[in-house]
Amino acid sequence: MTDIVQKLWGFCHTLRHDGIDYGDYIEQLTYLLFLKMADERSVEVPKDCGWDKLKSLSGTELTDHYSEVLRKLREAKGLLGDIFTQATSRFANPVNLRRLIAMIDEELWSAMDVDVKGAAFEGLLEKAASEGKKGAGQYFTPRRLIQSICRVMKPDPRGKTAFKICDPACGTGGFLIGAHEWLVEGSKGVLDRSDARRIRGATYYGQELVARPRRLALMNLYLHGVEPHIYLGDTIYEPDRGERYDVVLTNPPFGTKGANQAPERDDFTIETSNKQLNFVQHVVKILKPGGRAAIVLPDNCLFEDKAGEVFEIVMQDCALHTVLRLPRGTFTPYSQGVKANVIFLQKGQPTEKVWIFDARSNVPGITKKERPLTGEHFKEFEACYGTDPNGLSKRKDLGEEGRFRAFGIKDIAARNYKLDVTWLKDESLEDSDELPEPQDLAAEAITELEAVVDDLREIIALIEKEEAVSK
């Protein structure tokens, strides 16, 4: 994808002279990629909207036809119309549109072993971020991590009526696609007819705050033969929709942007302005009894003051059975310095024991080129996790020298329910050759400072509330 993204990005500079900014360009690119991949996969589109006709035209005939194609698609019934809501052409110069169509036509996109539109979108946003634009990493979870989580969580809807899988912060749909690909691989693409119909239209759910990544998620799943339900809106600030799910897989957006106040949700026991901790509360709320979840969280969500309060409540309602400490640099190149974890829980039983797997200590940091994230980084974890998706497999504590250890609920309570438990001495932090890059260390410092800022916000909010009562 790197060469393709480079080529597509280079063309973006040309289009700027035509009044098309990088955001509009990415959107137009996804429309055209969708039509090309629909053609490759023989996915039905409205009459005269096919790729062959589009690539056969030129001049004003091309721009007029492209505008007409987008009109038909946005007026189509069902999911296709939802995908192309408000879709309009941004091309004034037919030469530029013709050139982009020719570039897309050069590749056989469906044959690539990646989520093509997601990867192109991700690559272009990365380019934009490197030029000083923010927000490139807020929609993406590394594919290898998604695959590992799906392997242990087994989001299997076969033979189970009303089985629903959800990502309440779905971005471009990585977790939902990963869950579906896990199913296709496990079933070798062969599903019972009644299962297939239900799985296609009533299994995959999500929510996304921003319209463009939501559109990509809808497109991606549609091209995988799935008709998802993905709502547009703010998951934690909107009232509970009342839908309940069997499996939740999610990576809530990191950082504190937009989190200056606690959401007014009566169903959240702990009031906090920390977005990720509110997502944890939301996930517990939307799980069915017996439902399971995997949630990606930055380190500060395991050790700041409100974290202990949230997890104390969570552990009364759920078996928070496993924590995976992710390798340093897992989210390279977007948030290289962010240290993160995955928590695994099942709703319905209180926590008795928390197993923690340390995949970070004495593991060289992830880099984009020299040390990319691979499936090998999670192989030992998956073996230790076991075959039971609810964490009920027989497990072995590997002791102080091992990466997998168990901590009883009394031990966790003694730590005020904070889950930043470490025991391995990280030799790499004492090796000058293995020290993280300065920018990564700075990012880690920022993460810890943000946790302090969150605590200060809570104190200020408490003071303001008491002052309001006293008046």
Protein backbone atom coordinates (compact mmCIF):
# COMPACT_ATOMS: atom_id res chain seq x y z
CA MET A 1 0.00 0.00 0.00
CA THR A 2 2.90 2.39 0.65
CA ASP A 3 3.64 3.02 -3.04
CA ILE A 4 -0.04 3.37 -3.86
CA VAL A 5 -0.62 5.83 -1.04
CA GLN A 6 2.42 7.83 -2.18
CA LYS A 7 0.97 8.03 -5.68
CA LEU A 8 -2.50 8.98 -4.44
CA TRP A 9 -1.04 11.58 -2.09
CA GLY A 10 1.04 13.10 -4.88
CA PHE A 11 -2.13 13.57 -6.92
CA CYS A 12 -3.77 15.31 -3.94
CA HIS A 13 -1.34 18.22 -4.41
CA THR A 14 -2.48 18.55 -8.02
CA LEU A 15 -6.11 18.65 -6.99
CA ARG A 16 -5.54 21.47 -4.53
CA HIS A 17 -5.15 23.75 -7.53
CA ASP A 18 -8.63 22.62 -8.56
CA GLY A 19 -10.01 23.74 -5.19
CA ILE A 20 -10.22 20.23 -3.68
CA ASP A 21 -8.68 19.99 -0.20
CA TYR A 22 -7.26 16.76 1.20
CA GLY A 23 -10.47 15.93 3.10
CA ASP A 24 -12.63 16.29 -0.01
CA TYR A 25 -10.07 14.32 -2.00
CA ILE A 26 -10.12 11.41 0.44
CA GLU A 27 -13.92 11.39 0.26
CA GLN A 28 -14.01 11.41 -3.56
CA LEU A 29 -11.33 8.73 -3.59
CA THR A 30 -13.44 6.44 -1.39
CA TYR A 31 -16.47 6.86 -3.69
CA LEU A 32 -14.40 5.78 -6.69
CA LEU A 33 -12.66 2.96 -4.82
CA PHE A 34 -16.06 1.66 -3.76
CA LEU A 35 -17.28 1.58 -7.39
CA LYS A 36 -14.08 -0.15 -8.57
CA MET A 37 -14.23 -2.79 -5.82
CA ALA A 38 -17.97 -3.30 -6.35
CA ASP A 39 -17.12 -4.07 -9.98
CA GLU A 40 -14.34 -6.48 -8.96
CA ARG A 41 -16.61 -8.32 -6.52
CA SER A 42 -19.73 -8.22 -8.73
CA VAL A 43 -21.61 -6.22 -6.10
CA GLU A 44 -24.82 -4.83 -7.58
CA VAL A 45 -25.12 -1.04 -8.02
CA PRO A 46 -27.91 1.00 -9.66
CA LYS A 47 -28.22 0.91 -13.45
CA ASP A 48 -25.55 2.88 -15.37
CA CYS A 49 -23.49 3.39 -12.19
CA GLY A 50 -20.93 0.71 -12.99
CA TRP A 51 -17.17 1.17 -13.20
CA ASP A 52 -16.87 0.17 -16.88
CA LYS A 53 -19.05 3.03 -18.08
CA LEU A 54 -17.36 5.54 -15.78
CA LYS A 55 -13.89 4.72 -17.06
CA SER A 56 -14.99 4.84 -20.70
CA LEU A 57 -15.95 8.52 -20.62
CA SER A 58 -13.97 11.78 -20.75
CA GLY A 59 -14.46 15.53 -20.84
CA THR A 60 -17.66 17.14 -19.57
CA GLU A 61 -19.50 13.92 -20.37
CA LEU A 62 -17.45 12.26 -17.63
CA THR A 63 -18.03 14.93 -14.95
CA ASP A 64 -21.76 15.06 -15.76
CA HIS A 65 -22.04 11.27 -15.60
CA TYR A 66 -20.07 11.08 -12.33
CA SER A 67 -22.42 13.64 -10.73
CA GLU A 68 -25.38 11.60 -11.97
CA VAL A 69 -23.87 8.38 -10.54
CA LEU A 70 -23.50 9.99 -7.11
CA ARG A 71 -27.09 11.30 -7.32
CA LYS A 72 -28.43 7.80 -8.04
CA LEU A 73 -26.35 6.29 -5.26
CA ARG A 74 -27.43 8.80 -2.61
CA GLU A 75 -31.08 8.30 -3.63
CA ALA A 76 -30.77 4.50 -3.56
CA LYS A 77 -32.85 2.66 -0.98
CA GLY A 78 -31.37 0.98 2.06
CA LEU A 79 -27.74 0.87 3.09
CA LEU A 80 -26.37 2.04 -0.27
CA GLY A 81 -28.28 5.31 0.05
CA ASP A 82 -27.05 5.67 3.61
CA ILE A 83 -23.44 5.18 2.49
CA PHE A 84 -23.72 7.92 -0.13
CA THR A 85 -25.75 10.40 1.93
CA GLN A 86 -24.97 13.96 0.71
CA ALA A 87 -22.40 12.60 -1.77
CA THR A 88 -21.60 15.19 -4.43
CA SER A 89 -18.81 15.59 -6.94
CA ARG A 90 -16.03 18.06 -6.15
CA PHE A 91 -14.44 17.83 -9.60
CA ALA A 92 -14.64 20.89 -11.86
CA ASN A 93 -11.85 19.76 -14.18
CA PRO A 94 -12.68 16.51 -16.05
CA VAL A 95 -8.97 15.91 -16.73
CA ASN A 96 -8.31 15.47 -13.00
CA LEU A 97 -11.26 13.12 -12.55
CA ARG A 98 -10.17 11.08 -15.57
CA ARG A 99 -6.63 10.82 -14.21
CA LEU A 100 -7.80 9.62 -10.80
CA ILE A 101 -10.08 6.99 -12.39
CA ALA A 102 -7.15 5.76 -14.50
CA MET A 103 -4.93 5.53 -11.38
CA ILE A 104 -7.54 3.49 -9.50
CA ASP A 105 -8.15 1.27 -12.53
CA GLU A 106 -4.47 0.24 -12.61
CA GLU A 107 -4.84 -1.82 -9.42
CA LEU A 108 -6.78 -4.98 -8.57
CA TRP A 109 -7.90 -3.76 -5.16
CA SER A 110 -9.90 -6.80 -4.02
CA ALA A 111 -6.83 -9.03 -4.34
CA MET A 112 -4.83 -7.05 -1.77
CA ASP A 113 -4.40 -8.61 1.67
CA VAL A 114 -5.44 -5.43 3.46
CA ASP A 115 -8.58 -3.46 4.20
CA VAL A 116 -7.93 -1.39 1.08
CA LYS A 117 -10.03 1.71 1.61
CA GLY A 118 -9.18 1.78 5.29
CA ALA A 119 -5.46 1.47 4.49
CA ALA A 120 -5.61 4.14 1.78
CA PHE A 121 -7.60 6.44 4.07
CA GLU A 122 -5.19 5.72 6.93
CA GLY A 123 -2.14 6.34 4.73
CA LEU A 124 -3.49 9.61 3.37
CA LEU A 125 -4.40 10.84 6.85
CA GLU A 126 -0.91 9.91 8.01
CA LYS A 127 0.51 12.05 5.21
CA ALA A 128 -1.77 14.89 6.18
CA ALA A 129 -0.75 14.53 9.83
CA SER A 130 2.94 14.69 8.92
CA GLU A 131 2.22 18.06 7.34
CA GLY A 132 0.91 19.34 10.63
CA LYS A 133 -2.76 18.38 10.51
CA LYS A 134 -4.01 16.67 13.65
CA GLY A 135 -6.24 13.69 14.22
CA ALA A 136 -4.82 11.10 11.81
CA GLY A 137 -4.70 8.32 14.34
CA GLN A 138 -8.10 8.64 15.96
CA TYR A 139 -9.84 6.13 13.72
CA PHE A 140 -7.43 3.21 13.58
CA THR A 141 -6.49 0.16 15.60
CA PRO A 142 -3.58 -1.93 14.28
CA ARG A 143 -4.84 -4.85 12.22
CA ARG A 144 -2.59 -7.37 13.98
CA LEU A 145 -4.01 -6.36 17.36
CA ILE A 146 -7.59 -6.60 16.06
CA GLN A 147 -6.90 -10.08 14.71
CA SER A 148 -5.42 -11.24 18.02
CA ILE A 149 -8.36 -9.87 20.02
CA CYS A 150 -10.82 -11.59 17.67
CA ARG A 151 -8.98 -14.90 17.99
CA VAL A 152 -9.34 -14.94 21.79
CA MET A 153 -12.81 -13.32 21.92
CA LYS A 154 -14.37 -15.60 19.26
CA PRO A 155 -17.23 -13.29 18.14
CA ASP A 156 -19.23 -16.21 16.71
CA PRO A 157 -22.89 -15.53 15.83
CA ARG A 158 -23.55 -18.94 14.24
CA GLY A 159 -26.59 -20.77 15.56
CA LYS A 160 -27.44 -17.99 18.02
CA THR A 161 -30.54 -15.94 17.31
CA ALA A 162 -30.28 -12.21 18.09
CA PHE A 163 -26.49 -12.42 18.56
CA LYS A 164 -25.09 -8.89 18.17
CA ILE A 165 -21.54 -7.55 17.95
CA CYS A 166 -20.85 -3.86 18.58
CA ASP A 167 -18.08 -1.26 18.46
CA PRO A 168 -19.38 1.98 20.02
CA ALA A 169 -16.33 3.92 18.72
CA CYS A 170 -15.98 2.16 15.39
CA GLY A 171 -13.97 4.61 13.24
CA THR A 172 -13.60 3.01 9.81
CA GLY A 173 -14.94 -0.30 11.10
CA GLY A 174 -11.71 -2.19 11.83
CA PHE A 175 -13.05 -4.29 14.72
CA LEU A 176 -16.33 -5.10 12.93
CA ILE A 177 -14.46 -6.14 9.79
CA GLY A 178 -12.00 -8.15 11.91
CA ALA A 179 -14.89 -9.94 13.64
CA HIS A 180 -16.49 -10.78 10.29
CA GLU A 181 -13.19 -11.94 8.77
CA TRP A 182 -12.62 -14.18 11.81
CA LEU A 183 -16.05 -15.73 11.19
CA VAL A 184 -15.43 -16.21 7.45
CA GLU A 185 -12.05 -17.81 8.12
CA GLY A 186 -13.44 -20.12 10.81
CA SER A 187 -16.40 -21.20 8.71
CA LYS A 188 -14.38 -21.32 5.47
CA GLY A 189 -17.02 -19.01 4.03
CA VAL A 190 -19.78 -21.62 4.37
CA LEU A 191 -22.73 -20.58 6.54
CA ASP A 192 -26.15 -22.10 7.12
CA ARG A 193 -28.69 -20.22 5.00
CA SER A 194 -30.70 -18.88 7.94
CA ASP A 195 -27.49 -17.90 9.74
CA ALA A 196 -26.16 -16.15 6.65
CA ARG A 197 -29.28 -13.99 6.25
CA ARG A 198 -29.31 -12.97 9.92
CA ILE A 199 -25.54 -12.37 10.09
CA ARG A 200 -25.67 -10.22 6.97
CA GLY A 201 -28.30 -7.80 8.24
CA ALA A 202 -28.72 -8.07 12.01
CA THR A 203 -25.36 -8.83 13.66
CA TYR A 204 -22.87 -5.96 13.28
CA TYR A 205 -23.49 -2.64 15.05
CA GLY A 206 -21.47 0.46 15.73
CA GLN A 207 -21.40 4.18 16.36
CA GLU A 208 -19.06 6.88 15.10
CA LEU A 209 -18.93 10.60 15.85
CA VAL A 210 -17.49 11.74 12.48
CA ALA A 211 -19.32 11.29 9.16
CA ARG A 212 -16.36 10.38 6.91
CA PRO A 213 -15.01 7.39 8.86
CA ARG A 214 -18.60 6.21 9.39
CA ARG A 215 -19.11 6.24 5.63
CA LEU A 216 -15.92 4.19 5.22
CA ALA A 217 -17.09 1.68 7.81
CA LEU A 218 -20.40 1.25 5.97
CA MET A 219 -18.58 0.86 2.65
CA ASN A 220 -16.06 -1.62 4.01
CA LEU A 221 -18.67 -3.89 5.54
CA TYR A 222 -21.00 -3.61 2.54
CA LEU A 223 -18.18 -4.81 0.30
CA HIS A 224 -17.65 -7.72 2.73
CA GLY A 225 -21.26 -8.75 2.13
CA VAL A 226 -22.51 -7.32 5.43
CA GLU A 227 -25.19 -4.71 6.09
CA PRO A 228 -24.18 -3.11 9.41
CA HIS A 229 -26.08 -0.68 11.60
CA ILE A 230 -23.72 2.22 12.33
CA TYR A 231 -25.15 5.25 14.06
CA LEU A 232 -23.75 8.75 13.65
CA GLY A 233 -23.40 10.55 16.97
CA ASP A 234 -21.60 10.92 20.30
CA THR A 235 -21.70 7.58 22.10
CA ILE A 236 -21.10 8.74 25.65
CA TYR A 237 -22.95 12.07 25.62
CA GLU A 238 -26.17 10.74 24.06
CA PRO A 239 -28.80 8.85 26.09
CA ASP A 240 -28.63 5.06 26.13
CA ARG A 241 -30.33 3.67 23.01
CA GLY A 242 -31.50 0.57 24.86
CA GLU A 243 -29.83 -1.94 22.50
CA ARG A 244 -27.83 -4.72 24.15
CA TYR A 245 -24.98 -6.76 22.69
CA ASP A 246 -23.31 -10.14 23.15
CA VAL A 247 -19.80 -8.97 22.22
CA VAL A 248 -18.27 -5.48 22.33
CA LEU A 249 -14.87 -4.86 20.75
CA THR A 250 -13.68 -1.27 20.90
CA ASN A 251 -10.81 1.20 21.04
CA PRO A 252 -12.26 4.47 22.42
CA PRO A 253 -10.49 7.62 21.14
CA PHE A 254 -7.41 8.51 23.20
CA GLY A 255 -6.75 11.97 24.59
CA THR A 256 -8.89 14.50 26.42
CA LYS A 257 -10.18 16.59 23.50
CA GLY A 258 -13.83 17.45 24.04
CA ALA A 259 -13.82 15.90 27.51
CA ASN A 260 -14.09 19.04 29.62
CA GLN A 261 -17.26 17.91 31.35
CA ALA A 262 -18.82 14.70 32.54
CA PRO A 263 -21.73 13.42 30.42
CA GLU A 264 -25.16 13.77 31.98
CA ARG A 265 -25.94 10.07 32.07
CA ASP A 266 -27.97 8.73 34.98
CA ASP A 267 -26.81 5.23 34.07
CA PHE A 268 -23.14 6.09 34.74
CA THR A 269 -22.38 5.37 38.40
CA ILE A 270 -19.10 7.31 38.50
CA GLU A 271 -19.11 10.90 37.27
CA THR A 272 -15.90 11.71 35.38
CA SER A 273 -14.79 13.80 32.43
CA ASN A 274 -12.35 11.07 31.32
CA LYS A 275 -13.67 9.86 27.95
CA GLN A 276 -12.16 6.40 28.08
CA LEU A 277 -13.48 5.68 31.58
CA ASN A 278 -16.92 6.81 30.44
CA PHE A 279 -16.63 4.40 27.52
CA VAL A 280 -15.87 1.61 30.00
CA GLN A 281 -19.08 2.45 31.87
CA HIS A 282 -20.98 2.61 28.59
CA VAL A 283 -19.68 -0.78 27.46
CA VAL A 284 -20.74 -2.44 30.72
CA LYS A 285 -24.17 -0.85 30.30
CA ILE A 286 -24.73 -2.08 26.72
CA LEU A 287 -23.57 -5.66 27.30
CA LYS A 288 -26.19 -8.36 27.71
CA PRO A 289 -25.91 -10.47 30.88
CA GLY A 290 -23.17 -12.96 30.08
CA GLY A 291 -21.89 -10.72 27.28
CA ARG A 292 -18.15 -10.14 26.88
CA ALA A 293 -15.99 -7.18 25.90
CA ALA A 294 -12.44 -6.23 24.97
CA ILE A 295 -11.58 -2.55 25.41
CA VAL A 296 -8.31 -0.82 24.44
CA LEU A 297 -7.29 1.77 27.05
CA PRO A 298 -4.24 4.01 27.56
CA ASP A 299 -2.14 3.48 30.70
CA ASN A 300 -3.54 6.51 32.52
CA CYS A 301 -6.96 4.82 32.56
CA LEU A 302 -5.49 2.14 34.79
CA PHE A 303 -3.91 4.39 37.41
CA GLU A 304 -5.62 7.78 37.74
CA ASP A 305 -7.87 8.34 40.74
CA LYS A 306 -11.22 7.97 38.98
CA ALA A 307 -10.00 4.76 37.34
CA GLY A 308 -10.01 3.00 40.70
CA GLU A 309 -13.58 4.14 41.38
CA VAL A 310 -14.79 3.00 37.95
CA PHE A 311 -13.09 -0.39 38.12
CA GLU A 312 -14.37 -1.03 41.64
CA ILE A 313 -17.92 -0.74 40.28
CA VAL A 314 -17.10 -2.68 37.10
CA MET A 315 -15.60 -5.56 39.12
CA GLN A 316 -18.81 -5.89 41.12
CA ASP A 317 -20.86 -6.37 37.94
CA CYS A 318 -18.31 -8.09 35.70
CA ALA A 319 -15.50 -10.61 35.78
CA LEU A 320 -12.65 -8.40 34.63
CA HIS A 321 -10.50 -11.45 34.10
CA THR A 322 -7.61 -10.35 31.85
CA VAL A 323 -5.42 -7.34 31.13
CA LEU A 324 -2.96 -7.27 28.22
CA ARG A 325 -0.14 -4.70 28.48
CA LEU A 326 0.59 -3.81 24.84
CA PRO A 327 4.12 -3.36 23.48
CA ARG A 328 5.48 0.19 23.52
CA GLY A 329 4.79 1.84 20.16
CA THR A 330 1.80 -0.36 19.27
CA PHE A 331 0.03 2.65 17.77
CA THR A 332 2.97 3.78 15.65
CA PRO A 333 2.99 6.00 13.62
CA TYR A 334 0.02 7.91 15.09
CA SER A 335 0.53 7.86 18.82
CA GLN A 336 4.00 6.41 19.19
CA GLY A 337 4.48 7.39 22.83
CA VAL A 338 1.10 6.20 24.04
CA LYS A 339 1.30 3.11 26.23
CA ALA A 340 -1.89 1.10 26.08
CA ASN A 341 -3.63 -2.03 27.32
CA VAL A 342 -6.59 -4.24 26.49
CA ILE A 343 -9.00 -5.19 29.26
CA PHE A 344 -11.20 -8.28 28.84
CA LEU A 345 -14.38 -8.74 30.86
CA GLN A 346 -17.62 -10.69 31.06
CA LYS A 347 -20.80 -9.19 32.49
CA GLY A 348 -22.81 -11.01 35.13
CA GLN A 349 -20.33 -12.32 37.70
CA PRO A 350 -18.08 -10.36 40.10
CA THR A 351 -14.32 -10.39 39.59
CA GLU A 352 -12.45 -12.97 41.65
CA LYS A 353 -9.06 -12.86 39.97
CA VAL A 354 -7.34 -10.61 37.38
CA TRP A 355 -4.75 -12.14 35.08
CA ILE A 356 -2.23 -9.71 33.61
CA PHE A 357 -0.04 -10.45 30.59
CA ASP A 358 2.97 -8.15 30.17
CA ALA A 359 3.78 -7.92 26.45
CA ARG A 360 5.78 -4.72 27.01
CA SER A 361 8.68 -5.25 29.40
CA ASN A 362 11.93 -6.23 27.67
CA VAL A 363 10.22 -6.09 24.27
CA PRO A 364 11.82 -3.72 21.74
CA GLY A 365 9.51 -0.82 20.91
CA ILE A 366 7.41 -1.06 17.76
CA THR A 367 8.55 1.06 14.80
CA LYS A 368 6.93 1.46 11.42
CA LYS A 369 9.74 -0.09 9.35
CA GLU A 370 12.46 -1.81 11.40
CA ARG A 371 10.24 -3.46 14.04
CA PRO A 372 6.62 -3.48 12.85
CA LEU A 373 3.84 -5.02 14.91
CA THR A 374 3.27 -8.66 13.90
CA GLY A 375 1.19 -11.62 14.98
CA GLU A 376 4.24 -12.97 16.85
CA HIS A 377 3.89 -10.17 19.41
CA PHE A 378 0.62 -11.76 20.61
CA LYS A 379 1.30 -15.47 20.12
CA GLU A 380 2.32 -16.18 23.74
CA PHE A 381 -0.54 -14.07 25.07
CA GLU A 382 -3.09 -16.02 23.04
CA ALA A 383 -1.68 -19.31 24.31
CA CYS A 384 -1.85 -18.08 27.93
CA TYR A 385 -5.38 -16.68 27.45
CA GLY A 386 -6.68 -20.09 26.43
CA THR A 387 -9.52 -21.24 24.23
CA ASP A 388 -12.43 -20.04 26.36
CA PRO A 389 -13.44 -16.52 25.17
CA ASN A 390 -14.72 -15.64 28.66
CA GLY A 391 -11.32 -16.27 30.23
CA LEU A 392 -12.40 -19.49 31.93
CA SER A 393 -9.69 -21.75 30.49
CA LYS A 394 -7.29 -23.38 32.92
CA ARG A 395 -4.38 -20.97 33.33
CA LYS A 396 -0.92 -21.09 34.87
CA ASP A 397 0.70 -18.27 36.85
CA LEU A 398 4.23 -17.99 35.42
CA GLY A 399 5.66 -16.32 38.53
CA GLU A 400 7.80 -13.23 38.95
CA GLU A 401 10.04 -14.15 36.00
CA GLY A 402 7.16 -14.84 33.64
CA ARG A 403 4.86 -12.62 31.63
CA PHE A 404 1.52 -13.98 32.90
CA ARG A 405 0.42 -13.59 36.50
CA ALA A 406 -2.77 -13.78 38.54
CA PHE A 407 -3.86 -11.26 41.19
CA GLY A 408 -6.74 -11.99 43.54
CA ILE A 409 -9.48 -9.43 44.08
CA LYS A 410 -8.07 -8.70 47.58
CA ASP A 411 -4.73 -7.73 45.99
CA ILE A 412 -6.54 -5.49 43.50
CA ALA A 413 -8.68 -3.92 46.23
CA ALA A 414 -5.51 -3.18 48.23
CA ARG A 415 -4.35 -1.14 45.23
CA ASN A 416 -7.63 0.81 45.27
CA TYR A 417 -8.72 -1.15 42.19
CA LYS A 418 -6.03 0.37 39.99
CA LEU A 419 -4.71 -2.05 37.38
CA ASP A 420 -1.26 -0.66 36.55
CA VAL A 421 0.40 -3.73 38.08
CA THR A 422 4.00 -4.44 37.05
CA TRP A 423 6.50 -7.03 38.28
CA LEU A 424 9.07 -7.59 35.53
CA LYS A 425 12.15 -5.38 35.60
CA ASP A 426 12.33 -3.73 32.18
CA GLU A 427 16.02 -4.03 31.28
CA SER A 428 15.50 -2.12 28.04
CA LEU A 429 14.87 1.08 30.00
CA GLU A 430 18.40 0.84 31.41
CA ASP A 431 19.99 0.17 28.01
CA SER A 432 20.80 3.46 26.29
CA ASP A 433 20.56 1.73 22.90
CA GLU A 434 17.03 0.55 23.65
CA LEU A 435 15.65 3.75 25.18
CA PRO A 436 12.52 5.10 23.48
CA GLU A 437 12.91 8.04 21.10
CA PRO A 438 12.80 11.49 22.77
CA GLN A 439 9.44 12.27 21.17
CA ASP A 440 8.05 9.01 22.55
CA LEU A 441 9.28 9.83 26.06
CA ALA A 442 7.72 13.29 25.72
CA ALA A 443 4.42 11.71 24.62
CA GLU A 444 4.52 9.38 27.64
CA ALA A 445 5.05 12.39 29.90
CA ILE A 446 2.10 14.14 28.28
CA THR A 447 -0.09 11.07 28.89
CA GLU A 448 0.78 11.10 32.59
CA LEU A 449 0.26 14.87 32.80
CA GLU A 450 -3.17 14.47 31.18
CA ALA A 451 -4.08 12.03 33.93
CA VAL A 452 -3.12 14.67 36.53
CA VAL A 453 -5.15 17.28 34.61
CA ASP A 454 -8.15 14.94 34.65
CA ASP A 455 -7.86 14.61 38.42
CA LEU A 456 -7.63 18.41 38.78
CA ARG A 457 -10.72 18.81 36.61
CA GLU A 458 -12.62 16.46 38.89
CA ILE A 459 -11.56 18.51 41.94
CA ILE A 460 -12.63 21.79 40.28
CA ALA A 461 -15.98 20.30 39.25
CA LEU A 462 -16.54 19.08 42.81
CA ILE A 463 -15.72 22.52 44.27
CA GLU A 464 -18.05 24.23 41.78
CA LYS A 465 -20.85 21.81 42.62
CA GLU A 466 -20.44 22.41 46.36
CA GLU A 467 -20.39 26.19 45.81
CA ALA A 468 -23.59 25.96 43.79
CA VAL A 469 -25.28 23.96 46.58
CA SER A 470 -24.15 26.41 49.26
CA LYS A 471 -25.70 29.32 47.35
